[in-house]
């Protein structure tokens, strides 16, 4: 059960990171500018590395691969 809750949390946080990366220049995310952008990038890269090391790319099937790809999206979304 904890595994499923963790997987759901990773999906929700991944979507939140993509939303924050897309809207990083909006006035309500003014605190994200500068060092916040760097932290968003570093955090997403660290999560991708952790997901690959934990085996989400191989053992979780298509859902695991989609989760890893979701966490790859914040970096290009900031452009």
N, C-alpha and C. Protein backbone atom coordinates (compact mmCIF):
# COMPACT_ATOMS: atom_id res chain seq x y z
N UNK A 1 0.82 -1.19 0.00
CA UNK A 1 0.00 0.00 0.00
C UNK A 1 0.87 1.27 0.00
N UNK A 2 1.95 1.23 0.75
CA UNK A 2 2.85 2.38 0.80
C UNK A 2 3.48 2.62 -0.56
N UNK A 3 3.75 1.54 -1.28
CA UNK A 3 4.33 1.65 -2.62
C UNK A 3 3.39 2.39 -3.56
N UNK A 4 2.11 2.08 -3.47
CA UNK A 4 1.13 2.75 -4.35
C UNK A 4 0.94 4.21 -3.98
N UNK A 5 0.95 4.51 -2.69
CA UNK A 5 0.82 5.90 -2.25
C UNK A 5 2.05 6.70 -2.70
N UNK A 6 3.22 6.09 -2.60
CA UNK A 6 4.44 6.74 -3.06
C UNK A 6 4.42 7.00 -4.55
N UNK A 7 3.92 6.03 -5.31
CA UNK A 7 3.83 6.19 -6.76
C UNK A 7 2.85 7.32 -7.11
N UNK A 8 1.72 7.37 -6.42
CA UNK A 8 0.74 8.44 -6.67
C UNK A 8 1.32 9.80 -6.30
N UNK A 9 2.07 9.85 -5.21
CA UNK A 9 2.70 11.11 -4.81
C UNK A 9 3.73 11.56 -5.83
N UNK A 10 4.49 10.62 -6.37
CA UNK A 10 5.46 10.98 -7.42
C UNK A 10 4.77 11.54 -8.65
N UNK A 11 3.63 10.96 -9.02
CA UNK A 11 2.87 11.49 -10.16
C UNK A 11 2.39 12.91 -9.87
N UNK A 12 1.84 13.14 -8.69
CA UNK A 12 1.31 14.46 -8.35
C UNK A 12 2.43 15.51 -8.27
N UNK A 13 3.54 15.15 -7.63
CA UNK A 13 4.66 16.08 -7.56
C UNK A 13 5.25 16.34 -8.94
N UNK A 14 5.30 15.33 -9.79
CA UNK A 14 5.80 15.52 -11.15
C UNK A 14 4.94 16.49 -11.94
N UNK A 15 3.62 16.33 -11.83
CA UNK A 15 2.72 17.27 -12.51
C UNK A 15 2.85 18.68 -11.94
N UNK A 16 3.06 18.78 -10.64
CA UNK A 16 3.25 20.09 -10.01
C UNK A 16 4.54 20.75 -10.50
N UNK A 17 5.59 19.97 -10.64
CA UNK A 17 6.85 20.51 -11.14
C UNK A 17 6.71 20.98 -12.58
N UNK A 18 6.01 20.23 -13.41
CA UNK A 18 5.81 20.65 -14.80
C UNK A 18 4.99 21.93 -14.84
N UNK A 19 3.93 22.01 -14.03
CA UNK A 19 3.11 23.22 -13.97
C UNK A 19 3.95 24.42 -13.53
N UNK A 20 4.78 24.24 -12.51
CA UNK A 20 5.63 25.34 -12.03
C UNK A 20 6.65 25.74 -13.09
N UNK A 21 7.19 24.79 -13.83
CA UNK A 21 8.18 25.10 -14.85
C UNK A 21 7.56 25.85 -16.02
N UNK A 22 6.34 25.48 -16.39
CA UNK A 22 5.68 26.16 -17.50
C UNK A 22 5.31 27.59 -17.12
N UNK A 23 4.87 27.79 -15.88
CA UNK A 23 4.39 29.09 -15.43
C UNK A 23 5.41 29.84 -14.58
N UNK A 24 6.68 29.61 -14.79
CA UNK A 24 7.69 30.18 -13.91
C UNK A 24 7.80 31.70 -13.97
N UNK A 25 7.33 32.31 -15.03
CA UNK A 25 7.43 33.76 -15.15
C UNK A 25 6.13 34.48 -14.79
N UNK A 26 5.14 33.77 -14.31
CA UNK A 26 3.90 34.40 -13.88
C UNK A 26 4.11 35.11 -12.54
N UNK A 27 3.33 36.16 -12.29
CA UNK A 27 3.54 36.94 -11.06
C UNK A 27 3.39 36.15 -9.76
N UNK A 28 2.54 35.15 -9.74
CA UNK A 28 2.35 34.42 -8.49
C UNK A 28 3.48 33.45 -8.20
N UNK A 29 4.38 33.24 -9.14
CA UNK A 29 5.56 32.40 -8.92
C UNK A 29 6.84 33.24 -8.97
N UNK A 30 6.74 34.50 -8.55
CA UNK A 30 7.91 35.39 -8.61
C UNK A 30 9.05 34.89 -7.74
N UNK A 31 8.74 34.16 -6.67
CA UNK A 31 9.79 33.63 -5.80
C UNK A 31 10.58 32.51 -6.48
N UNK A 32 10.07 31.98 -7.57
CA UNK A 32 10.73 30.88 -8.27
C UNK A 32 11.84 31.37 -9.19
N UNK A 33 11.86 32.63 -9.50
CA UNK A 33 12.88 33.15 -10.42
C UNK A 33 14.26 33.09 -9.79
N UNK A 34 15.27 32.99 -10.62
CA UNK A 34 16.65 32.95 -10.14
C UNK A 34 17.03 31.60 -9.56
N UNK A 35 17.35 31.55 -8.27
CA UNK A 35 17.78 30.29 -7.66
C UNK A 35 16.67 29.23 -7.65
N UNK A 36 15.44 29.65 -7.67
CA UNK A 36 14.33 28.69 -7.71
C UNK A 36 14.33 27.87 -8.98
N UNK A 37 14.68 28.50 -10.10
CA UNK A 37 14.76 27.78 -11.37
C UNK A 37 15.87 26.73 -11.33
N UNK A 38 16.98 27.10 -10.72
CA UNK A 38 18.09 26.15 -10.61
C UNK A 38 17.69 24.98 -9.73
N UNK A 39 17.02 25.26 -8.62
CA UNK A 39 16.59 24.19 -7.72
C UNK A 39 15.55 23.29 -8.39
N UNK A 40 14.66 23.87 -9.18
CA UNK A 40 13.67 23.08 -9.91
C UNK A 40 14.36 22.13 -10.88
N UNK A 41 15.36 22.62 -11.57
CA UNK A 41 16.12 21.79 -12.51
C UNK A 41 16.87 20.69 -11.78
N UNK A 42 17.59 21.04 -10.73
CA UNK A 42 18.39 20.07 -9.99
C UNK A 42 17.50 19.00 -9.35
N UNK A 43 16.38 19.42 -8.78
CA UNK A 43 15.47 18.46 -8.15
C UNK A 43 14.89 17.49 -9.17
N UNK A 44 14.50 17.99 -10.34
CA UNK A 44 13.94 17.08 -11.34
C UNK A 44 14.98 16.10 -11.87
N UNK A 45 16.22 16.55 -12.04
CA UNK A 45 17.27 15.65 -12.50
C UNK A 45 17.58 14.60 -11.42
N UNK A 46 17.61 15.02 -10.15
CA UNK A 46 17.86 14.07 -9.06
C UNK A 46 16.76 13.02 -8.96
N UNK A 47 15.51 13.43 -9.15
CA UNK A 47 14.41 12.47 -9.09
C UNK A 47 14.48 11.50 -10.26
N UNK A 48 14.83 11.98 -11.44
CA UNK A 48 14.98 11.09 -12.60
C UNK A 48 16.07 10.06 -12.34
N UNK A 49 17.19 10.49 -11.82
CA UNK A 49 18.28 9.56 -11.51
C UNK A 49 17.84 8.54 -10.47
N UNK A 50 17.14 9.01 -9.43
CA UNK A 50 16.67 8.10 -8.37
C UNK A 50 15.65 7.10 -8.92
N UNK A 51 14.75 7.55 -9.79
CA UNK A 51 13.76 6.64 -10.37
C UNK A 51 14.42 5.57 -11.23
N UNK A 52 15.41 5.97 -12.00
CA UNK A 52 16.10 4.99 -12.85
C UNK A 52 16.88 4.00 -11.99
N UNK A 53 17.52 4.49 -10.94
CA UNK A 53 18.28 3.59 -10.06
C UNK A 53 17.37 2.64 -9.30
N UNK A 54 16.17 3.08 -8.96
CA UNK A 54 15.23 2.21 -8.23
C UNK A 54 14.53 1.22 -9.14
N UNK A 55 14.72 1.33 -10.43
CA UNK A 55 14.20 0.35 -11.36
C UNK A 55 12.84 0.68 -11.96
N UNK A 56 12.41 1.93 -11.86
CA UNK A 56 11.12 2.30 -12.43
C UNK A 56 11.14 2.22 -13.95
N UNK A 57 12.30 2.38 -14.56
CA UNK A 57 12.37 2.34 -16.01
C UNK A 57 12.17 0.92 -16.53
N UNK A 58 12.65 -0.09 -15.80
CA UNK A 58 12.58 -1.46 -16.29
C UNK A 58 11.43 -2.26 -15.70
N UNK A 59 11.28 -2.22 -14.39
CA UNK A 59 10.39 -3.18 -13.74
C UNK A 59 8.94 -2.72 -13.61
N UNK A 60 8.64 -1.46 -13.75
CA UNK A 60 7.28 -0.97 -13.53
C UNK A 60 6.43 -0.94 -14.79
N UNK A 61 6.97 -1.35 -15.90
CA UNK A 61 6.20 -1.36 -17.15
C UNK A 61 6.05 0.02 -17.74
N UNK A 62 4.96 0.22 -18.45
CA UNK A 62 4.74 1.49 -19.15
C UNK A 62 4.49 2.63 -18.17
N UNK A 63 3.87 2.34 -17.03
CA UNK A 63 3.61 3.39 -16.04
C UNK A 63 4.92 3.92 -15.46
N UNK A 64 5.89 3.06 -15.23
CA UNK A 64 7.18 3.50 -14.72
C UNK A 64 7.94 4.33 -15.74
N UNK A 65 7.86 3.93 -16.99
CA UNK A 65 8.53 4.70 -18.04
C UNK A 65 7.88 6.07 -18.22
N UNK A 66 6.56 6.11 -18.13
CA UNK A 66 5.86 7.39 -18.25
C UNK A 66 6.18 8.31 -17.06
N UNK A 67 6.36 7.71 -15.88
CA UNK A 67 6.72 8.50 -14.70
C UNK A 67 8.11 9.11 -14.86
N UNK A 68 9.04 8.34 -15.36
CA UNK A 68 10.39 8.88 -15.59
C UNK A 68 10.34 9.98 -16.65
N UNK A 69 9.58 9.77 -17.70
CA UNK A 69 9.46 10.80 -18.74
C UNK A 69 8.76 12.05 -18.22
N UNK A 70 7.80 11.89 -17.32
CA UNK A 70 7.13 13.04 -16.72
C UNK A 70 8.13 13.89 -15.94
N UNK A 71 9.02 13.22 -15.21
CA UNK A 71 10.01 13.96 -14.44
C UNK A 71 11.11 14.56 -15.33
N UNK A 72 11.20 14.12 -16.58
CA UNK A 72 12.14 14.75 -17.52
C UNK A 72 11.56 16.04 -18.12
N UNK A 73 10.27 16.24 -18.02
CA UNK A 73 9.61 17.39 -18.65
C UNK A 73 9.89 18.76 -18.01
N UNK A 74 10.08 18.90 -16.70
CA UNK A 74 10.27 20.25 -16.16
C UNK A 74 11.46 21.01 -16.76
N UNK A 75 12.54 20.32 -17.06
CA UNK A 75 13.71 21.01 -17.59
C UNK A 75 13.44 21.66 -18.95
N UNK A 76 12.91 20.94 -19.95
CA UNK A 76 12.61 21.62 -21.20
C UNK A 76 11.41 22.57 -21.10
N UNK A 77 10.55 22.38 -20.13
CA UNK A 77 9.38 23.25 -19.98
C UNK A 77 9.78 24.64 -19.52
N UNK A 78 10.93 24.76 -18.89
CA UNK A 78 11.37 26.08 -18.44
C UNK A 78 11.85 26.95 -19.59
N UNK A 79 12.12 26.35 -20.73
CA UNK A 79 12.57 27.14 -21.89
C UNK A 79 11.41 27.90 -22.45
